[in-house]
């Protein structure tokens, strides 16, 4: 079913059905669709096995099924959130820690790159920005299906923040937002366009996009990591949102080296977070495959730079 049609149906159903019923419907549909999603399930399972080699086959299978269920819940979120005002989302659906890190970085006036991973629904934090009246845009990856992207972005933008596709025009607007002291939201953990950097990730080489780091360096902005995790319980529209301290960027003047080293720092920071919430990490592609899935035997890039400077 096309994404636009599915979102329209979910939005229509939300007028008549309780929220819990919608999520239960999505979870049941995801479970029934598992035989049709075998290729995606295997890719997700392979990712989970890289993260948790100690897990049993049955545990890996359960977690892979949970990732697919979480993806179904995400689309219910997309249908529901535009109808809920940002302040209500912040007050009733988000349980926020570390908000001072964001507010302090924003007050500094340098611009903030807010970056996170595909854990649960990271876009709920964007809704909080609208409630806090912080000027922000979100930069999202291009998709092969433009109708899919258009439908999803329409739902996202209705949530209170403008979503831009990572084209030359979108990147230019993101840079202007940062230089004016605003916030740009961007995900760092899925390199669909290629051209990312191979960095250490769970002991092997993995490729991640460098967009978040590149924007921060070019705009001389702060980079602030965060993550959002759906809370267990009957109300699926409840999230723990954690803002972390700003990432200390390495700035040597060597653009390529700085971009790769700081991307490696970001991957290292998120390793334990993704390990803890791997059953909610909605990444189907292998980040290790583009780097030939080889062990990372070299020192961490920052350690290499430190040794060279000494």
Protein backbone atom coordinates (compact mmCIF):
# COMPACT_ATOMS: atom_id res chain seq x y z
CA UNK A 1 0.00 0.00 0.00
CA UNK A 2 1.45 3.46 -0.90
CA UNK A 3 2.61 5.45 2.10
CA UNK A 4 0.35 8.42 1.32
CA UNK A 5 -2.71 6.16 1.25
CA UNK A 6 -1.72 4.37 4.46
CA UNK A 7 -1.19 7.67 6.30
CA UNK A 8 -4.53 9.01 5.05
CA UNK A 9 -6.33 5.86 6.22
CA UNK A 10 -4.65 5.99 9.64
CA UNK A 11 -5.48 9.68 10.02
CA UNK A 12 -9.11 8.97 9.11
CA UNK A 13 -9.32 6.02 11.50
CA UNK A 14 -7.87 8.16 14.30
CA UNK A 15 -11.08 10.22 14.26
CA UNK A 16 -13.15 7.19 15.26
CA UNK A 17 -10.85 4.71 16.98
CA UNK A 18 -9.01 5.04 20.28
CA UNK A 19 -5.27 5.59 19.95
CA UNK A 20 -4.50 2.27 21.61
CA UNK A 21 -6.64 0.47 19.04
CA UNK A 22 -4.66 2.04 16.19
CA UNK A 23 -1.35 0.92 17.65
CA UNK A 24 -2.71 -2.57 18.31
CA UNK A 25 -3.90 -2.73 14.70
CA UNK A 26 -0.45 -1.66 13.44
CA UNK A 27 1.34 -4.19 15.63
CA UNK A 28 -0.95 -7.00 14.48
CA UNK A 29 -0.47 -6.02 10.84
CA UNK A 30 3.32 -6.01 11.31
CA UNK A 31 3.20 -9.47 12.85
CA UNK A 32 1.04 -10.87 10.05
CA UNK A 33 3.29 -9.27 7.43
CA UNK A 34 6.49 -10.90 8.71
CA UNK A 35 6.44 -13.69 6.06
CA UNK A 36 6.19 -11.01 3.37
CA UNK A 37 9.03 -9.00 4.91
CA UNK A 38 11.51 -11.85 5.17
CA UNK A 39 14.28 -10.03 3.32
CA UNK A 40 13.99 -6.98 5.59
CA UNK A 41 13.73 -9.18 8.68
CA UNK A 42 16.95 -11.01 7.81
CA UNK A 43 18.83 -7.74 7.24
CA UNK A 44 17.61 -6.40 10.58
CA UNK A 45 18.52 -9.67 12.29
CA UNK A 46 22.03 -9.50 10.81
CA UNK A 47 22.46 -5.98 12.21
CA UNK A 48 21.29 -7.14 15.61
CA UNK A 49 23.73 -10.04 15.53
CA UNK A 50 26.62 -7.61 14.90
CA UNK A 51 25.54 -5.62 17.94
CA UNK A 52 24.74 -8.59 20.20
CA UNK A 53 26.75 -11.65 19.08
CA UNK A 54 26.00 -13.20 22.47
CA UNK A 55 22.24 -13.31 21.86
CA UNK A 56 20.54 -16.61 21.05
CA UNK A 57 18.84 -17.12 17.67
CA UNK A 58 15.42 -16.92 19.32
CA UNK A 59 16.30 -13.61 20.99
CA UNK A 60 17.56 -12.19 17.70
CA UNK A 61 14.34 -13.28 15.98
CA UNK A 62 12.19 -11.65 18.66
CA UNK A 63 14.15 -8.41 18.48
CA UNK A 64 13.99 -8.34 14.66
CA UNK A 65 10.21 -8.73 14.84
CA UNK A 66 10.09 -5.92 17.41
CA UNK A 67 12.03 -3.59 15.07
CA UNK A 68 9.41 -4.21 12.38
CA UNK A 69 6.60 -3.62 14.89
CA UNK A 70 8.27 -0.38 15.99
CA UNK A 71 8.37 0.76 12.36
CA UNK A 72 4.62 0.16 12.15
CA UNK A 73 4.12 2.20 15.33
CA UNK A 74 6.21 5.00 13.79
CA UNK A 75 3.73 5.33 10.93
CA UNK A 76 0.87 5.56 13.41
CA UNK A 77 2.82 8.36 15.10
CA UNK A 78 3.06 10.16 11.76
CA UNK A 79 -0.70 9.99 11.36
CA UNK A 80 -1.49 11.10 14.93
CA UNK A 81 1.06 13.79 15.80
CA UNK A 82 -0.04 16.50 13.32
CA UNK A 83 -3.41 16.65 15.07
CA UNK A 84 -1.82 17.25 18.49
CA UNK A 85 -0.48 20.73 19.25
CA UNK A 86 3.27 20.89 20.07
CA UNK A 87 2.74 22.11 23.63
CA UNK A 88 0.40 19.21 24.40
CA UNK A 89 2.95 16.75 22.98
CA UNK A 90 5.66 18.25 25.16
CA UNK A 91 3.51 18.29 28.29
CA UNK A 92 1.69 14.95 27.97
CA UNK A 93 3.70 12.67 25.71
CA UNK A 94 7.38 13.47 26.26
CA UNK A 95 9.44 12.82 29.37
CA UNK A 96 12.49 14.98 28.80
CA UNK A 97 15.92 14.90 30.41
CA UNK A 98 18.82 17.23 29.72
CA UNK A 99 16.74 19.98 28.13
CA UNK A 100 19.13 22.54 29.63
CA UNK A 101 21.82 21.28 27.25
CA UNK A 102 19.67 22.37 24.32
CA UNK A 103 18.52 25.65 25.85
CA UNK A 104 22.07 26.66 26.84
CA UNK A 105 23.45 25.81 23.40
CA UNK A 106 20.65 27.75 21.72
CA UNK A 107 21.17 30.80 23.95
CA UNK A 108 24.84 30.85 22.97
CA UNK A 109 23.66 31.93 19.51
CA UNK A 110 26.07 29.83 17.45
CA UNK A 111 23.40 27.60 15.99
CA UNK A 112 22.81 23.99 17.00
CA UNK A 113 22.93 20.82 14.94
CA UNK A 114 20.61 18.44 16.77
CA UNK A 115 21.46 14.89 15.73
CA UNK A 116 20.15 11.46 16.62
CA UNK A 117 19.67 7.89 15.41
CA UNK A 118 16.70 5.95 14.05
CA UNK A 119 15.65 4.74 17.52
CA UNK A 120 11.85 4.63 17.99
CA UNK A 121 10.63 7.99 16.67
CA UNK A 122 13.29 10.71 16.89
CA UNK A 123 10.89 13.22 15.33
CA UNK A 124 8.97 13.63 18.57
CA UNK A 125 11.86 15.79 19.80
CA UNK A 126 11.29 18.07 16.81
CA UNK A 127 7.74 18.58 18.05
CA UNK A 128 9.21 19.81 21.35
CA UNK A 129 11.22 22.46 19.49
CA UNK A 130 7.98 23.87 18.05
CA UNK A 131 6.53 24.05 21.56
CA UNK A 132 9.62 25.88 22.83
CA UNK A 133 9.41 28.38 19.96
CA UNK A 134 12.94 27.59 18.83
CA UNK A 135 13.45 28.28 15.10
CA UNK A 136 14.34 24.98 13.50
CA UNK A 137 14.34 22.98 10.31
CA UNK A 138 14.93 19.28 9.81
CA UNK A 139 17.08 17.88 7.01
CA UNK A 140 16.05 14.43 5.77
CA UNK A 141 17.49 11.99 3.27
CA UNK A 142 16.21 11.62 -0.25
CA UNK A 143 14.19 8.49 -0.99
CA UNK A 144 13.87 6.48 -4.19
CA UNK A 145 10.10 6.94 -4.15
CA UNK A 146 9.32 10.70 -4.28
CA UNK A 147 5.64 10.10 -3.46
CA UNK A 148 6.65 8.31 -0.27
CA UNK A 149 8.92 11.21 0.70
CA UNK A 150 6.26 13.80 -0.11
CA UNK A 151 3.63 12.05 2.00
CA UNK A 152 5.92 11.55 4.98
CA UNK A 153 7.29 15.11 4.84
CA UNK A 154 3.78 16.55 4.64
CA UNK A 155 2.89 14.74 7.86
CA UNK A 156 6.17 15.74 9.49
CA UNK A 157 5.85 19.42 8.56
CA UNK A 158 2.30 19.50 9.92
CA UNK A 159 3.86 18.64 13.27
CA UNK A 160 5.25 22.18 13.53
CA UNK A 161 8.76 22.21 12.00
CA UNK A 162 9.72 22.45 8.33
CA UNK A 163 11.31 19.31 6.88
CA UNK A 164 13.76 19.79 4.00
CA UNK A 165 15.17 17.19 1.65
CA UNK A 166 18.97 17.03 1.64
CA UNK A 167 19.39 18.66 -1.76
CA UNK A 168 21.64 21.63 -2.50
CA UNK A 169 18.71 23.95 -1.78
CA UNK A 170 17.83 22.18 1.47
CA UNK A 171 21.42 22.15 2.73
CA UNK A 172 21.75 25.85 1.86
CA UNK A 173 18.67 26.70 3.93
CA UNK A 174 19.95 24.57 6.81
CA UNK A 175 23.27 26.45 6.80
CA UNK A 176 21.44 29.80 6.84
CA UNK A 177 19.32 28.62 9.78
CA UNK A 178 22.44 27.70 11.73
CA UNK A 179 24.25 30.95 10.95
CA UNK A 180 21.20 32.84 12.19
CA UNK A 181 21.38 30.97 15.50
CA UNK A 182 18.66 28.42 14.79
CA UNK A 183 18.52 24.64 15.09
CA UNK A 184 18.91 22.03 12.36
CA UNK A 185 17.77 18.46 13.10
CA UNK A 186 19.44 15.62 11.21
CA UNK A 187 19.86 11.87 11.60
CA UNK A 188 23.39 10.51 11.42
CA UNK A 189 23.13 6.69 11.31
CA UNK A 190 21.90 5.70 7.82
CA UNK A 191 23.92 6.42 4.67
CA UNK A 192 21.46 5.81 1.85
CA UNK A 193 23.09 8.30 -0.50
CA UNK A 194 26.63 6.93 -0.19
CA UNK A 195 29.70 9.05 0.31
CA UNK A 196 29.85 8.61 4.07
CA UNK A 197 32.89 7.72 6.16
CA UNK A 198 33.99 4.30 7.40
CA UNK A 199 34.50 4.54 11.16
CA UNK A 200 34.68 2.08 14.09
CA UNK A 201 31.29 0.70 15.13
CA UNK A 202 30.97 -2.35 17.36
CA UNK A 203 34.51 -3.40 16.51
CA UNK A 204 34.17 -3.30 12.74
CA UNK A 205 34.24 -0.73 9.96
CA UNK A 206 30.84 0.82 9.29
CA UNK A 207 29.86 3.66 6.98
CA UNK A 208 27.80 6.57 8.23
CA UNK A 209 26.82 9.90 6.64
CA UNK A 210 28.91 12.92 7.59
CA UNK A 211 26.17 15.51 7.06
CA UNK A 212 25.61 16.38 10.72
CA UNK A 213 29.31 16.93 11.37
CA UNK A 214 29.85 18.74 8.07
CA UNK A 215 27.03 21.20 8.80
CA UNK A 216 28.38 21.95 12.28
CA UNK A 217 31.90 22.57 10.97
CA UNK A 218 30.79 24.73 8.01
CA UNK A 219 28.43 26.85 10.13
CA UNK A 220 30.71 26.91 13.22
CA UNK A 221 27.74 25.56 15.16
CA UNK A 222 27.42 23.33 18.20
CA UNK A 223 26.44 19.71 17.70
CA UNK A 224 24.06 18.28 20.28
CA UNK A 225 23.17 14.55 20.35
CA UNK A 226 19.84 13.28 21.62
CA UNK A 227 17.72 10.14 21.47
CA UNK A 228 14.07 9.28 21.98
CA UNK A 229 12.82 5.89 23.20
CA UNK A 230 9.20 4.76 23.20
CA UNK A 231 8.09 3.83 26.70
CA UNK A 232 6.65 0.36 27.29
CA UNK A 233 3.05 0.29 28.40
CA UNK A 234 -0.49 0.53 27.05
CA UNK A 235 -0.11 4.13 25.81
CA UNK A 236 2.29 3.80 22.89
CA UNK A 237 2.54 7.57 22.38
CA UNK A 238 4.87 8.10 25.35
CA UNK A 239 8.58 8.77 24.89
CA UNK A 240 11.66 9.31 26.99
CA UNK A 241 13.70 12.03 25.27
CA UNK A 242 17.28 12.60 26.41
CA UNK A 243 19.39 15.57 25.33
CA UNK A 244 23.11 14.93 25.79
CA UNK A 245 25.88 17.52 26.25
CA UNK A 246 27.31 19.13 23.14
CA UNK A 247 29.91 17.05 21.34
CA UNK A 248 33.42 18.48 21.57
CA UNK A 249 34.49 18.79 17.95
CA UNK A 250 38.04 18.25 16.73
CA UNK A 251 38.94 21.21 14.51
CA UNK A 252 42.44 20.97 13.07
CA UNK A 253 41.74 22.81 9.83
CA UNK A 254 41.96 19.56 7.85
CA UNK A 255 38.31 19.31 6.75
CA UNK A 256 38.40 15.65 5.67
CA UNK A 257 40.21 14.52 8.81
CA UNK A 258 37.99 16.54 11.13
CA UNK A 259 34.80 15.27 9.48
CA UNK A 260 35.83 11.63 9.73
CA UNK A 261 37.18 11.90 13.27
CA UNK A 262 34.10 13.65 14.63
CA UNK A 263 31.80 11.19 12.83
CA UNK A 264 33.75 8.41 14.58
CA UNK A 265 33.20 10.19 17.91
CA UNK A 266 29.47 10.35 17.21
CA UNK A 267 29.36 6.63 16.42
CA UNK A 268 31.30 5.82 19.58
CA UNK A 269 28.95 7.97 21.68
CA UNK A 270 25.85 6.20 20.33
CA UNK A 271 27.22 2.64 20.54
CA UNK A 272 25.99 1.93 24.09
CA UNK A 273 22.68 3.71 23.38
CA UNK A 274 22.00 1.62 20.28
CA UNK A 275 23.14 -1.53 22.09
CA UNK A 276 20.63 -0.89 24.89
CA UNK A 277 17.77 -0.11 22.50
CA UNK A 278 18.73 -2.26 19.50
CA UNK A 279 15.23 -3.79 19.39
CA UNK A 280 13.99 -0.27 18.52
CA UNK A 281 16.77 0.67 16.07
CA UNK A 282 14.87 1.00 12.77
CA UNK A 283 17.76 0.54 10.34
CA UNK A 284 17.38 -2.20 7.74
CA UNK A 285 20.51 -1.58 5.69
CA UNK A 286 23.83 -2.87 6.99
CA UNK A 287 26.19 0.01 7.83
CA UNK A 288 29.03 -2.52 7.79
CA UNK A 289 28.53 -3.87 4.26
CA UNK A 290 29.81 -0.79 2.36
CA UNK A 291 33.09 -1.06 4.28
CA UNK A 292 33.38 -4.76 3.37
CA UNK A 293 32.48 -5.69 6.94
CA UNK A 294 36.12 -5.88 8.03
CA UNK A 295 37.45 -5.66 11.59
CA UNK A 296 38.63 -2.28 12.80
CA UNK A 297 42.20 -2.93 13.90
CA UNK A 298 43.50 0.65 13.77
CA UNK A 299 43.32 3.08 16.68
CA UNK A 300 40.26 5.28 16.92
CA UNK A 301 40.69 8.25 14.54
CA UNK A 302 40.79 10.76 17.41
CA UNK A 303 43.51 8.73 19.14
CA UNK A 304 45.50 8.72 15.89
CA UNK A 305 45.19 12.49 15.61
CA UNK A 306 46.20 12.91 19.24
CA UNK A 307 49.29 10.78 18.79
CA UNK A 308 50.31 12.71 15.69
CA UNK A 309 49.96 16.07 17.46
CA UNK A 310 52.25 14.88 20.22
